[in-house]
PDB file of N, CA and C in Angstrom:
ATOM      1  N   MET A   1      81.788 118.019 125.221  1.00  0.00           N
ATOM      2  CA  MET A   1      80.429 118.114 124.543  1.00  0.00           C
ATOM      3  C   MET A   1      79.468 118.969 124.792  1.00  0.00           C
ATOM      4  N   PRO A   2      79.018 119.887 123.584  1.00  0.00           N
ATOM      5  CA  PRO A   2      78.242 120.919 123.981  1.00  0.00           C
ATOM      6  C   PRO A   2      76.773 120.749 124.076  1.00  0.00           C
ATOM      7  N   ILE A   3      76.567 121.823 125.114  1.00  0.00           N
ATOM      8  CA  ILE A   3      75.138 121.724 125.595  1.00  0.00           C
ATOM      9  C   ILE A   3      74.060 122.417 124.347  1.00  0.00           C
ATOM     10  N   ILE A   4      73.028 121.431 124.000  1.00  0.00           N
ATOM     11  CA  ILE A   4      72.341 122.114 122.883  1.00  0.00           C
ATOM     12  C   ILE A   4      71.030 122.044 123.150  1.00  0.00           C
ATOM     13  N   SER A   5      70.637 123.622 123.071  1.00  0.00           N
ATOM     14  CA  SER A   5      69.215 123.867 123.129  1.00  0.00           C
ATOM     15  C   SER A   5      68.373 124.738 122.590  1.00  0.00           C
ATOM     16  N   THR A   6      67.219 124.929 122.002  1.00  0.00           N
ATOM     17  CA  THR A   6      66.527 125.309 121.609  1.00  0.00           C
ATOM     18  C   THR A   6      65.951 126.578 122.209  1.00  0.00           C
ATOM     19  N   THR A   7      65.802 126.586 123.595  1.00  0.00           N
ATOM     20  CA  THR A   7      65.476 127.344 124.343  1.00  0.00           C
ATOM     21  C   THR A   7      66.641 128.139 125.179  1.00  0.00           C
ATOM     22  N   ILE A   8      66.573 129.477 125.002  1.00  0.00           N
ATOM     23  CA  ILE A   8      67.503 130.544 125.480  1.00  0.00           C
ATOM     24  C   ILE A   8      66.453 130.678 126.872  1.00  0.00           C
ATOM     25  N   LYS A   9      67.337 130.975 128.150  1.00  0.00           N
ATOM     26  CA  LYS A   9      66.963 131.510 129.437  1.00  0.00           C
ATOM     27  C   LYS A   9      67.692 132.486 129.886  1.00  0.00           C
ATOM     28  N   PRO A  10      67.306 133.732 129.953  1.00  0.00           N
ATOM     29  CA  PRO A  10      68.461 134.775 130.530  1.00  0.00           C
ATOM     30  C   PRO A  10      68.758 134.493 131.591  1.00  0.00           C
ATOM     31  N   THR A  11      69.475 134.674 132.061  1.00  0.00           N
ATOM     32  CA  THR A  11      70.386 134.821 133.624  1.00  0.00           C
ATOM     33  C   THR A  11      71.373 135.800 133.704  1.00  0.00           C
ATOM     34  N   SER A  12      71.091 136.066 135.163  1.00  0.00           N
ATOM     35  CA  SER A  12      72.191 137.449 135.068  1.00  0.00           C
ATOM     36  C   SER A  12      73.377 136.576 136.337  1.00  0.00           C
ATOM     37  N   LEU A  13      74.397 137.416 136.144  1.00  0.00           N
ATOM     38  CA  LEU A  13      75.419 136.721 136.968  1.00  0.00           C
ATOM     39  C   LEU A  13      75.760 138.185 137.315  1.00  0.00           C
ATOM     40  N   LYS A  14      76.310 138.412 138.981  1.00  0.00           N
ATOM     41  CA  LYS A  14      77.060 139.479 139.641  1.00  0.00           C
ATOM     42  C   LYS A  14      78.508 138.800 139.759  1.00  0.00           C
ATOM     43  N   LEU A  15      79.272 139.229 139.058  1.00  0.00           N
ATOM     44  CA  LEU A  15      80.781 138.712 139.005  1.00  0.00           C
ATOM     45  C   LEU A  15      81.858 139.853 139.924  1.00  0.00           C
ATOM     46  N   PRO A  16      82.720 139.236 140.861  1.00  0.00           N
ATOM     47  CA  PRO A  16      83.520 139.907 141.434  1.00  0.00           C
ATOM     48  C   PRO A  16      84.128 141.080 140.260  1.00  0.00           C
ATOM     49  N   ALA A  17      85.038 142.240 140.404  1.00  0.00           N
ATOM     50  CA  ALA A  17      85.395 142.704 139.447  1.00  0.00           C
ATOM     51  C   ALA A  17      86.257 141.938 138.437  1.00  0.00           C
ATOM     52  N   ALA A  18      87.509 141.459 139.646  1.00  0.00           N
ATOM     53  CA  ALA A  18      88.495 140.861 139.291  1.00  0.00           C
ATOM     54  C   ALA A  18      88.215 139.306 138.607  1.00  0.00           C
ATOM     55  N   LEU A  19      87.298 138.943 138.846  1.00  0.00           N
ATOM     56  CA  LEU A  19      87.027 137.680 138.432  1.00  0.00           C
ATOM     57  C   LEU A  19      86.292 137.688 136.977  1.00  0.00           C
ATOM     58  N   LYS A  20      85.645 139.275 136.557  1.00  0.00           N
ATOM     59  CA  LYS A  20      85.130 139.595 135.122  1.00  0.00           C
ATOM     60  C   LYS A  20      86.176 139.944 134.543  1.00  0.00           C
ATOM     61  N   THR A  21      87.294 140.483 135.030  1.00  0.00           N
ATOM     62  CA  THR A  21      88.589 140.836 134.362  1.00  0.00           C
ATOM     63  C   THR A  21      89.216 139.849 133.781  1.00  0.00           C
ATOM     64  N   GLN A  22      89.348 138.689 134.424  1.00  0.00           N
ATOM     65  CA  GLN A  22      89.965 137.924 134.109  1.00  0.00           C
ATOM     66  C   GLN A  22      89.336 137.226 132.798  1.00  0.00           C
ATOM     67  N   LEU A  23      88.090 136.907 133.208  1.00  0.00           N
ATOM     68  CA  LEU A  23      86.781 136.356 132.250  1.00  0.00           C
ATOM     69  C   LEU A  23      87.245 136.702 130.859  1.00  0.00           C
ATOM     70  N   GLU A  24      87.199 138.437 130.888  1.00  0.00           N
ATOM     71  CA  GLU A  24      87.134 139.174 130.075  1.00  0.00           C
ATOM     72  C   GLU A  24      88.554 138.900 129.198  1.00  0.00           C
ATOM     73  N   ASN A  25      89.663 138.860 129.582  1.00  0.00           N
ATOM     74  CA  ASN A  25      90.952 138.582 129.106  1.00  0.00           C
ATOM     75  C   ASN A  25      91.012 136.888 128.954  1.00  0.00           C
ATOM     76  N   ASP A  26      90.528 136.072 129.430  1.00  0.00           N
ATOM     77  CA  ASP A  26      90.804 134.788 128.574  1.00  0.00           C
ATOM     78  C   ASP A  26      89.783 134.913 127.211  1.00  0.00           C
ATOM     79  N   ALA A  27      88.496 135.394 127.287  1.00  0.00           N
ATOM     80  CA  ALA A  27      87.902 135.664 125.869  1.00  0.00           C
ATOM     81  C   ALA A  27      88.743 135.962 125.394  1.00  0.00           C
ATOM     82  N   GLN A  28      88.911 137.341 125.389  1.00  0.00           N
ATOM     83  CA  GLN A  28      89.544 137.770 124.333  1.00  0.00           C
ATOM     84  C   GLN A  28      90.625 137.478 123.609  1.00  0.00           C
ATOM     85  N   SER A  29      91.782 136.568 124.571  1.00  0.00           N
ATOM     86  CA  SER A  29      92.549 135.445 124.350  1.00  0.00           C
ATOM     87  C   SER A  29      92.159 134.444 123.328  1.00  0.00           C
ATOM     88  N   ALA A  30      90.521 133.722 123.704  1.00  0.00           N
ATOM     89  CA  ALA A  30      90.341 132.717 122.986  1.00  0.00           C
ATOM     90  C   ALA A  30      89.780 133.070 121.967  1.00  0.00           C
ATOM     91  N   GLY A  31      89.529 134.738 121.401  1.00  0.00           N
ATOM     92  CA  GLY A  31      88.815 134.947 120.435  1.00  0.00           C
ATOM     93  C   GLY A  31      87.464 135.051 120.459  1.00  0.00           C
ATOM     94  N   LEU A  32      86.915 135.073 121.574  1.00  0.00           N
ATOM     95  CA  LEU A  32      85.382 135.103 121.951  1.00  0.00           C
ATOM     96  C   LEU A  32      84.884 136.269 122.545  1.00  0.00           C
ATOM     97  N   SER A  33      83.553 136.274 122.432  1.00  0.00           N
ATOM     98  CA  SER A  33      83.017 137.156 123.292  1.00  0.00           C
ATOM     99  C   SER A  33      82.774 137.166 124.748  1.00  0.00           C
ATOM    100  N   LEU A  34      83.124 137.810 125.918  1.00  0.00           N
ATOM    101  CA  LEU A  34      82.504 137.501 126.978  1.00  0.00           C
ATOM    102  C   LEU A  34      81.376 136.353 127.285  1.00  0.00           C
ATOM    103  N   HIS A  35      80.440 136.758 126.467  1.00  0.00           N
ATOM    104  CA  HIS A  35      79.046 135.871 126.727  1.00  0.00           C
ATOM    105  C   HIS A  35      79.596 134.281 126.252  1.00  0.00           C
ATOM    106  N   ALA A  36      79.878 134.698 125.017  1.00  0.00           N
ATOM    107  CA  ALA A  36      80.239 132.771 124.322  1.00  0.00           C
ATOM    108  C   ALA A  36      81.012 132.353 125.181  1.00  0.00           C
ATOM    109  N   PHE A  37      82.519 133.031 125.710  1.00  0.00           N
ATOM    110  CA  PHE A  37      83.215 132.335 126.679  1.00  0.00           C
ATOM    111  C   PHE A  37      83.052 131.954 128.030  1.00  0.00           C
ATOM    112  N   VAL A  38      81.977 132.805 128.561  1.00  0.00           N
ATOM    113  CA  VAL A  38      81.065 131.900 129.618  1.00  0.00           C
ATOM    114  C   VAL A  38      80.140 130.951 129.165  1.00  0.00           C
ATOM    115  N   VAL A  39      79.582 130.945 128.580  1.00  0.00           N
ATOM    116  CA  VAL A  39      78.563 130.127 128.384  1.00  0.00           C
ATOM    117  C   VAL A  39      79.428 128.605 127.889  1.00  0.00           C
ATOM    118  N   GLN A  40      80.598 128.924 127.197  1.00  0.00           N
ATOM    119  CA  GLN A  40      81.387 127.376 126.429  1.00  0.00           C
ATOM    120  C   GLN A  40      81.880 127.185 127.747  1.00  0.00           C
ATOM    121  N   THR A  41      82.692 127.811 128.359  1.00  0.00           N
ATOM    122  CA  THR A  41      83.086 127.460 130.038  1.00  0.00           C
ATOM    123  C   THR A  41      82.140 126.667 131.201  1.00  0.00           C
ATOM    124  N   LEU A  42      81.188 127.241 131.119  1.00  0.00           N
ATOM    125  CA  LEU A  42      79.965 126.211 132.398  1.00  0.00           C
ATOM    126  C   LEU A  42      79.304 125.186 131.320  1.00  0.00           C
ATOM    127  N   ALA A  43      79.715 125.399 129.742  1.00  0.00           N
ATOM    128  CA  ALA A  43      78.895 123.865 129.692  1.00  0.00           C
ATOM    129  C   ALA A  43      79.937 122.772 129.848  1.00  0.00           C
ATOM    130  N   ASP A  44      81.800 123.503 129.091  1.00  0.00           N
ATOM    131  CA  ASP A  44      82.490 122.589 129.768  1.00  0.00           C
ATOM    132  C   ASP A  44      82.583 122.016 131.018  1.00  0.00           C
ATOM    133  N   SER A  45      82.032 122.811 132.306  1.00  0.00           N
ATOM    134  CA  SER A  45      82.289 122.627 133.289  1.00  0.00           C
ATOM    135  C   SER A  45      80.852 121.651 133.907  1.00  0.00           C
ATOM    136  N   VAL A  46      80.076 121.530 133.152  1.00  0.00           N
ATOM    137  CA  VAL A  46      78.945 120.718 133.331  1.00  0.00           C
ATOM    138  C   VAL A  46      78.916 119.284 132.808  1.00  0.00           C
ATOM    139  N   CYS A  47      80.055 119.180 131.846  1.00  0.00           N
ATOM    140  CA  CYS A  47      80.562 117.957 131.007  1.00  0.00           C
ATOM    141  C   CYS A  47      81.373 117.271 132.070  1.00  0.00           C
ATOM    142  N   ARG A  48      82.112 117.993 132.619  1.00  0.00           N
ATOM    143  CA  ARG A  48      83.177 117.413 133.627  1.00  0.00           C
ATOM    144  C   ARG A  48      82.920 116.898 134.775  1.00  0.00           C
ATOM    145  N   THR A  49      81.843 117.769 135.091  1.00  0.00           N
ATOM    146  CA  THR A  49      81.060 117.065 136.075  1.00  0.00           C
ATOM    147  C   THR A  49      80.059 115.993 135.972  1.00  0.00           C
ATOM    148  N   ARG A  50      79.584 115.608 134.754  1.00  0.00           N
ATOM    149  CA  ARG A  50      79.042 114.347 134.556  1.00  0.00           C
ATOM    150  C   ARG A  50      80.235 113.376 134.124  1.00  0.00           C
ATOM    151  N   LEU A  51      80.884 113.679 133.627  1.00  0.00           N
ATOM    152  CA  LEU A  51      82.272 112.686 133.305  1.00  0.00           C
ATOM    153  C   LEU A  51      82.708 111.906 134.831  1.00  0.00           C
ATOM    154  N   ARG A  52      82.897 113.010 135.541  1.00  0.00           N
ATOM    155  CA  ARG A  52      83.315 112.866 137.105  1.00  0.00           C
ATOM    156  C   ARG A  52      82.360 112.019 137.725  1.00  0.00           C
ATOM    157  N   GLU A  53      81.222 112.095 137.691  1.00  0.00           N
ATOM    158  CA  GLU A  53      79.935 111.620 138.199  1.00  0.00           C
ATOM    159  C   GLU A  53      80.002 109.896 137.669  1.00  0.00           C
ATOM    160  N   ALA A  54      80.132 109.525 136.486  1.00  0.00           N
ATOM    161  CA  ALA A  54      80.405 108.421 136.143  1.00  0.00           C
ATOM    162  C   ALA A  54      81.655 107.742 135.914  1.00  0.00           C
ATOM    163  N   PHE A  55      82.513 108.322 136.069  1.00  0.00           N
ATOM    164  CA  PHE A  55      84.143 107.894 136.641  1.00  0.00           C
ATOM    165  C   PHE A  55      84.264 107.354 137.981  1.00  0.00           C
ATOM    166  N   THR A  56      83.300 107.823 139.286  1.00  0.00           N
ATOM    167  CA  THR A  56      82.758 107.511 140.215  1.00  0.00           C
ATOM    168  C   THR A  56      82.332 106.364 140.473  1.00  0.00           C
ATOM    169  N   ARG A  57      81.109 106.505 139.792  1.00  0.00           N
ATOM    170  CA  ARG A  57      79.792 105.301 139.149  1.00  0.00           C
ATOM    171  C   ARG A  57      80.674 104.029 139.134  1.00  0.00           C
ATOM    172  N   ASP A  58      81.621 104.158 138.276  1.00  0.00           N
ATOM    173  CA  ASP A  58      82.722 102.881 137.241  1.00  0.00           C
ATOM    174  C   ASP A  58      83.275 102.934 138.508  1.00  0.00           C
ATOM    175  N   ALA A  59      83.860 103.351 139.095  1.00  0.00           N
ATOM    176  CA  ALA A  59      84.826 102.917 140.088  1.00  0.00           C
ATOM    177  C   ALA A  59      84.310 102.449 141.438  1.00  0.00           C
ATOM    178  N   ILE A  60      83.070 102.383 141.861  1.00  0.00           N
ATOM    179  CA  ILE A  60      82.667 101.662 142.888  1.00  0.00           C
ATOM    180  C   ILE A  60      82.146 100.370 142.012  1.00  0.00           C
ATOM    181  N   THR A  61      81.829 100.587 141.009  1.00  0.00           N
ATOM    182  CA  THR A  61      80.907  99.508 140.720  1.00  0.00           C
ATOM    183  C   THR A  61      81.938  98.442 140.665  1.00  0.00           C
ATOM    184  N   ALA A  62      83.073  98.489 140.056  1.00  0.00           N
ATOM    185  CA  ALA A  62      84.475  97.688 139.607  1.00  0.00           C
ATOM    186  C   ALA A  62      84.954  97.335 140.960  1.00  0.00           C
ATOM    187  N   LEU A  63      85.132  98.117 141.905  1.00  0.00           N
ATOM    188  CA  LEU A  63      85.592  97.692 143.380  1.00  0.00           C
ATOM    189  C   LEU A  63      84.099  97.017 144.096  1.00  0.00           C
ATOM    190  N   PHE A  64      83.110  96.876 143.925  1.00  0.00           N
ATOM    191  CA  PHE A  64      82.293  96.114 144.260  1.00  0.00           C
ATOM    192  C   PHE A  64      82.329  94.811 143.074  1.00  0.00           C
ATOM    193  N   ASP A  65      82.844  94.582 141.833  1.00  0.00           N
ATOM    194  CA  ASP A  65      82.917  93.347 141.464  1.00  0.00           C
ATOM    195  C   ASP A  65      83.981  92.802 141.773  1.00  0.00           C
ATOM    196  N   MET A  66      85.185  93.648 142.385  1.00  0.00           N
ATOM    197  CA  MET A  66      86.476  92.751 142.347  1.00  0.00           C
ATOM    198  C   MET A  66      86.411  92.336 143.854  1.00  0.00           C
ATOM    199  N   LYS A  67      85.386  93.055 145.148  1.00  0.00           N
ATOM    200  CA  LYS A  67      85.402  92.223 145.977  1.00  0.00           C
ATOM    201  C   LYS A  67      84.357  91.094 145.992  1.00  0.00           C
ATOM    202  N   THR A  68      83.477  91.513 145.170  1.00  0.00           N
ATOM    203  CA  THR A  68      82.802  90.052 145.071  1.00  0.00           C
ATOM    204  C   THR A  68      83.132  88.801 144.235  1.00  0.00           C
ATOM    205  N   SER A  69      83.902  89.094 143.505  1.00  0.00           N
ATOM    206  CA  SER A  69      84.732  88.047 142.494  1.00  0.00           C
ATOM    207  C   SER A  69      86.376  87.699 143.483  1.00  0.00           C
ATOM    208  N   GLY A  70      86.568  88.106 144.216  1.00  0.00           N
ATOM    209  CA  GLY A  70      87.769  88.341 144.923  1.00  0.00           C
ATOM    210  C   GLY A  70      88.977  88.092 143.653  1.00  0.00           C
ATOM    211  N   LEU A  71      88.528  88.517 142.377  1.00  0.00           N
ATOM    212  CA  LEU A  71      89.641  88.868 141.292  1.00  0.00           C
ATOM    213  C   LEU A  71      90.022  90.532 141.618  1.00  0.00           C
ATOM    214  N   GLY A  72      91.358  90.563 141.425  1.00  0.00           N
ATOM    215  CA  GLY A  72      92.177  92.043 141.079  1.00  0.00           C
ATOM    216  C   GLY A  72      93.460  91.756 140.975  1.00  0.00           C
ATOM    217  N   TYR A  73      94.052  92.760 140.554  1.00  0.00           N
ATOM    218  CA  TYR A  73      95.566  93.047 140.789  1.00  0.00           C
ATOM    219  C   TYR A  73      96.292  93.986 141.758  1.00  0.00           C
ATOM    220  N   GLU A  74      97.316  93.896 142.017  1.00  0.00           N
ATOM    221  CA  GLU A  74      98.555  94.293 143.203  1.00  0.00           C
ATOM    222  C   GLU A  74      98.424  95.570 142.572  1.00  0.00           C
ATOM    223  N   LEU A  75      98.522  96.484 143.150  1.00  0.00           N
ATOM    224  CA  LEU A  75      99.209  97.926 142.776  1.00  0.00           C
ATOM    225  C   LEU A  75     100.505  98.102 142.400  1.00  0.00           C
ATOM    226  N   GLY A  76     101.290  97.333 143.349  1.00  0.00           N
ATOM    227  CA  GLY A  76     102.701  97.579 143.004  1.00  0.00           C
ATOM    228  C   GLY A  76     103.029  96.659 141.202  1.00  0.00           C
ATOM    229  N   ASP A  77     101.959  95.815 141.536  1.00  0.00           N
ATOM    230  CA  ASP A  77     102.665  95.085 139.810  1.00  0.00           C
ATOM    231  C   ASP A  77     101.883  96.034 138.339  1.00  0.00           C
ATOM    232  N   VAL A  78     100.867  96.305 139.251  1.00  0.00           N
ATOM    233  CA  VAL A  78      99.877  97.514 138.085  1.00  0.00           C
ATOM    234  C   VAL A  78     101.270  98.894 137.867  1.00  0.00           C
ATOM    235  N   ARG A  79     101.058  99.463 138.835  1.00  0.00           N
ATOM    236  CA  ARG A  79     102.114 100.480 138.761  1.00  0.00           C
ATOM    237  C   ARG A  79     103.567 100.038 138.284  1.00  0.00           C
ATOM    238  N   ASP A  80     104.177  99.034 138.524  1.00  0.00           N
ATOM    239  CA  ASP A  80     105.330  98.991 137.585  1.00  0.00           C
ATOM    240  C   ASP A  80     104.878  98.249 135.701  1.00  0.00           C
ATOM    241  N   LEU A  81     103.925  97.770 135.617  1.00  0.00           N
ATOM    242  CA  LEU A  81     103.831  97.230 134.251  1.00  0.00           C
ATOM    243  C   LEU A  81     103.425  98.904 133.568  1.00  0.00           C
ATOM    244  N   VAL A  82     102.814  99.822 134.079  1.00  0.00           N
ATOM    245  CA  VAL A  82     102.462 100.836 133.551  1.00  0.00           C
ATOM    246  C   VAL A  82     103.746 101.822 133.753  1.00  0.00           C
ATOM    247  N   LEU A  83     104.884 101.508 134.710  1.00  0.00           N
ATOM    248  CA  LEU A  83     105.973 102.486 133.958  1.00  0.00           C
ATOM    249  C   LEU A  83     106.848 101.819 132.747  1.00  0.00           C
ATOM    250  N   VAL A  84     106.915 100.703 132.945  1.00  0.00           N
ATOM    251  CA  VAL A  84     107.636  99.834 132.283  1.00  0.00           C
ATOM    252  C   VAL A  84     107.156 100.107 130.598  1.00  0.00           C
ATOM    253  N   GLU A  85     105.779  99.898 130.308  1.00  0.00           N
ATOM    254  CA  GLU A  85     105.330 100.511 129.438  1.00  0.00           C
ATOM    255  C   GLU A  85     105.443 101.885 128.820  1.00  0.00           C
ATOM    256  N   ARG A  86     105.077 102.690 129.706  1.00  0.00           N
ATOM    257  CA  ARG A  86     105.657 104.278 129.364  1.00  0.00           C
ATOM    258  C   ARG A  86     107.086 104.410 128.972  1.00  0.00           C
ATOM    259  N   ILE A  87     107.591 103.721 129.498  1.00  0.00           N
ATOM    260  CA  ILE A  87     109.291 104.108 129.238  1.00  0.00           C
ATOM    261  C   ILE A  87     109.693 103.389 128.075  1.00  0.00           C
ATOM    262  N   ARG A  88     108.850 102.339 127.499  1.00  0.00           N
ATOM    263  CA  ARG A  88     109.021 101.483 126.242  1.00  0.00           C
ATOM    264  C   ARG A  88     108.597 102.453 125.036  1.00  0.00           C
ATOM    265  N   HIS A  89     107.260 103.076 125.585  1.00  0.00           N
ATOM    266  CA  HIS A  89     106.657 103.828 124.071  1.00  0.00           C
ATOM    267  C   HIS A  89     107.519 105.029 124.355  1.00  0.00           C
ATOM    268  N   GLN A  90     108.087 106.310 125.426  1.00  0.00           N
ATOM    269  CA  GLN A  90     108.344 107.070 125.380  1.00  0.00           C
ATOM    270  C   GLN A  90     109.916 106.841 124.065  1.00  0.00           C
ATOM    271  N   ARG A  91     110.422 105.445 124.487  1.00  0.00           N
ATOM    272  CA  ARG A  91     112.097 105.325 123.627  1.00  0.00           C
ATOM    273  C   ARG A  91     111.141 104.936 122.137  1.00  0.00           C
ATOM    274  N   GLU A  92     110.110 104.349 121.919  1.00  0.00           N
ATOM    275  CA  GLU A  92     109.929 104.026 120.858  1.00  0.00           C
ATOM    276  C   GLU A  92     109.432 105.397 120.064  1.00  0.00           C
ATOM    277  N   SER A  93     109.222 106.386 120.705  1.00  0.00           N
ATOM    278  CA  SER A  93     108.772 107.446 120.427  1.00  0.00           C
ATOM    279  C   SER A  93     109.741 108.511 119.851  1.00  0.00           C
ATOM    280  N   GLY A  94     110.575 108.190 120.301  1.00  0.00           N
ATOM    281  CA  GLY A  94     112.249 108.664 120.059  1.00  0.00           C
ATOM    282  C   GLY A  94     112.683 109.773 120.895  1.00  0.00           C
ATOM    283  N   TYR A  95     112.142 109.737 122.362  1.00  0.00           N
ATOM    284  CA  TYR A  95     112.390 110.863 123.434  1.00  0.00           C
ATOM    285  C   TYR A  95     113.757 110.103 123.965  1.00  0.00           C
ATOM    286  N   SER A  96     114.718 111.021 124.233  1.00  0.00           N
ATOM    287  CA  SER A  96     115.980 111.013 124.542  1.00  0.00           C
ATOM    288  C   SER A  96     115.816 110.416 126.182  1.00  0.00           C
ATOM    289  N   GLU A  97     117.097 110.028 126.531  1.00  0.00           N
ATOM    290  CA  GLU A  97     117.268 109.834 127.597  1.00  0.00           C
ATOM    291  C   GLU A  97     117.109 110.766 128.914  1.00  0.00           C
ATOM    292  N   GLY A  98     116.971 111.794 128.841  1.00  0.00           N
ATOM    293  CA  GLY A  98     117.115 112.965 129.183  1.00  0.00           C
ATOM    294  C   GLY A  98     115.495 113.690 129.669  1.00  0.00           C
ATOM    295  N   GLU A  99     114.989 113.269 128.042  1.00  0.00           N
ATOM    296  CA  GLU A  99     113.613 113.497 128.454  1.00  0.00           C
ATOM    297  C   GLU A  99     112.839 112.252 129.193  1.00  0.00           C
ATOM    298  N   LEU A 100     113.407 111.271 129.591  1.00  0.00           N
ATOM    299  CA  LEU A 100     112.347 110.569 129.713  1.00  0.00           C
ATOM    300  C   LEU A 100     112.244 110.401 131.467  1.00  0.00           C
TER     301      LEU A 100
END
Protein backbone atom coordinates (compact mmCIF):
# COMPACT_ATOMS: atom_id res chain seq x y z
CA MET A 1 0.00 0.00 0.00
CA PRO A 2 1.69 3.22 -1.11
CA ILE A 3 1.98 6.14 1.22
CA ILE A 4 0.37 9.14 -0.43
CA SER A 5 1.32 12.63 0.66
CA THR A 6 1.03 16.02 -0.94
CA THR A 7 3.97 17.31 1.09
CA ILE A 8 7.49 16.44 0.01
CA LYS A 9 10.16 16.78 2.65
CA PRO A 10 13.73 16.67 1.34
CA THR A 11 15.95 14.12 3.04
CA SER A 12 19.61 13.41 2.58
CA LEU A 13 20.94 9.87 2.99
CA LYS A 14 24.58 8.98 3.32
CA LEU A 15 24.93 5.44 2.04
CA PRO A 16 27.89 3.10 2.02
CA ALA A 17 29.21 2.85 -1.54
CA ALA A 18 28.43 -0.87 -1.84
CA LEU A 19 24.82 -0.37 -0.74
CA LYS A 20 24.34 2.51 -3.15
CA THR A 21 25.69 0.37 -5.99
CA GLN A 22 23.29 -2.44 -5.09
CA LEU A 23 20.38 0.01 -4.94
CA GLU A 24 21.34 1.51 -8.31
CA ASN A 25 21.53 -1.96 -9.87
CA ASP A 26 18.18 -3.00 -8.40
CA ALA A 27 16.57 0.28 -9.48
CA GLN A 28 17.85 -0.18 -13.01
CA SER A 29 16.56 -3.77 -13.09
CA ALA A 30 13.15 -2.52 -11.94
CA GLY A 31 13.18 0.23 -14.57
CA LEU A 32 13.09 2.96 -11.93
CA SER A 33 15.26 5.89 -11.02
CA LEU A 34 17.32 5.47 -7.87
CA HIS A 35 15.11 8.03 -6.12
CA ALA A 36 11.86 6.28 -7.10
CA PHE A 37 13.27 2.88 -6.13
CA VAL A 38 14.42 4.08 -2.69
CA VAL A 39 11.08 5.81 -2.01
CA GLN A 40 9.17 2.68 -3.07
CA THR A 41 11.45 0.44 -1.00
CA LEU A 42 11.02 2.62 2.10
CA ALA A 43 7.24 2.76 1.63
CA ASP A 44 7.11 -1.03 1.25
CA SER A 45 9.18 -1.42 4.41
CA VAL A 46 6.82 0.85 6.37
CA CYS A 47 3.82 -1.17 5.14
CA ARG A 48 5.48 -4.47 6.13
CA THR A 49 6.26 -3.04 9.56
CA ARG A 50 2.62 -2.02 10.07
CA LEU A 51 1.41 -5.45 8.92
CA ARG A 52 3.85 -7.17 11.28
CA GLU A 53 2.64 -4.97 14.16
CA ALA A 54 -1.02 -5.77 13.34
CA PHE A 55 -0.19 -9.49 13.13
CA THR A 56 1.50 -9.36 16.53
CA ARG A 57 -1.47 -7.52 18.09
CA ASP A 58 -3.89 -10.04 16.56
CA ALA A 59 -1.78 -12.96 17.80
CA ILE A 60 -1.65 -11.55 21.34
CA THR A 61 -5.42 -11.01 21.30
CA ALA A 62 -6.03 -14.53 19.96
CA LEU A 63 -3.76 -16.05 22.63
CA PHE A 64 -5.56 -14.10 25.35
CA ASP A 65 -8.96 -15.19 23.99
CA MET A 66 -7.83 -18.81 23.82
CA LYS A 67 -6.48 -18.78 27.37
CA THR A 68 -9.57 -17.00 28.67
CA SER A 69 -12.07 -19.31 26.95
CA GLY A 70 -10.05 -22.50 27.20
CA LEU A 71 -10.91 -23.21 23.56
CA GLY A 72 -8.20 -24.00 21.05
CA TYR A 73 -6.65 -26.60 18.78
CA GLU A 74 -3.74 -28.93 19.34
CA LEU A 75 -0.75 -28.00 17.17
CA GLY A 76 -0.36 -31.56 15.87
CA ASP A 77 -4.00 -31.67 14.73
CA VAL A 78 -3.67 -28.36 12.88
CA ARG A 79 -0.36 -29.34 11.30
CA ASP A 80 -1.80 -32.66 10.08
CA LEU A 81 -4.88 -30.96 8.64
CA VAL A 82 -2.82 -28.32 6.83
CA LEU A 83 -0.49 -30.95 5.39
CA VAL A 84 -3.39 -33.12 4.17
CA GLU A 85 -5.14 -30.11 2.61
CA ARG A 86 -1.92 -28.94 0.94
CA ILE A 87 -1.31 -32.35 -0.63
CA ARG A 88 -4.95 -32.55 -1.76
CA HIS A 89 -4.76 -29.09 -3.33
CA GLN A 90 -1.49 -29.90 -5.10
CA ARG A 91 -2.92 -33.12 -6.53
CA GLU A 92 -6.07 -31.34 -7.68
CA SER A 93 -3.90 -28.65 -9.29
CA GLY A 94 -2.06 -31.24 -11.37
CA TYR A 95 1.27 -31.49 -9.58
CA SER A 96 3.07 -34.78 -10.19
CA GLU A 97 4.17 -36.93 -7.26
CA GLY A 98 7.80 -35.78 -7.73
CA GLU A 99 6.74 -32.14 -7.28
CA LEU A 100 4.92 -32.78 -4.01
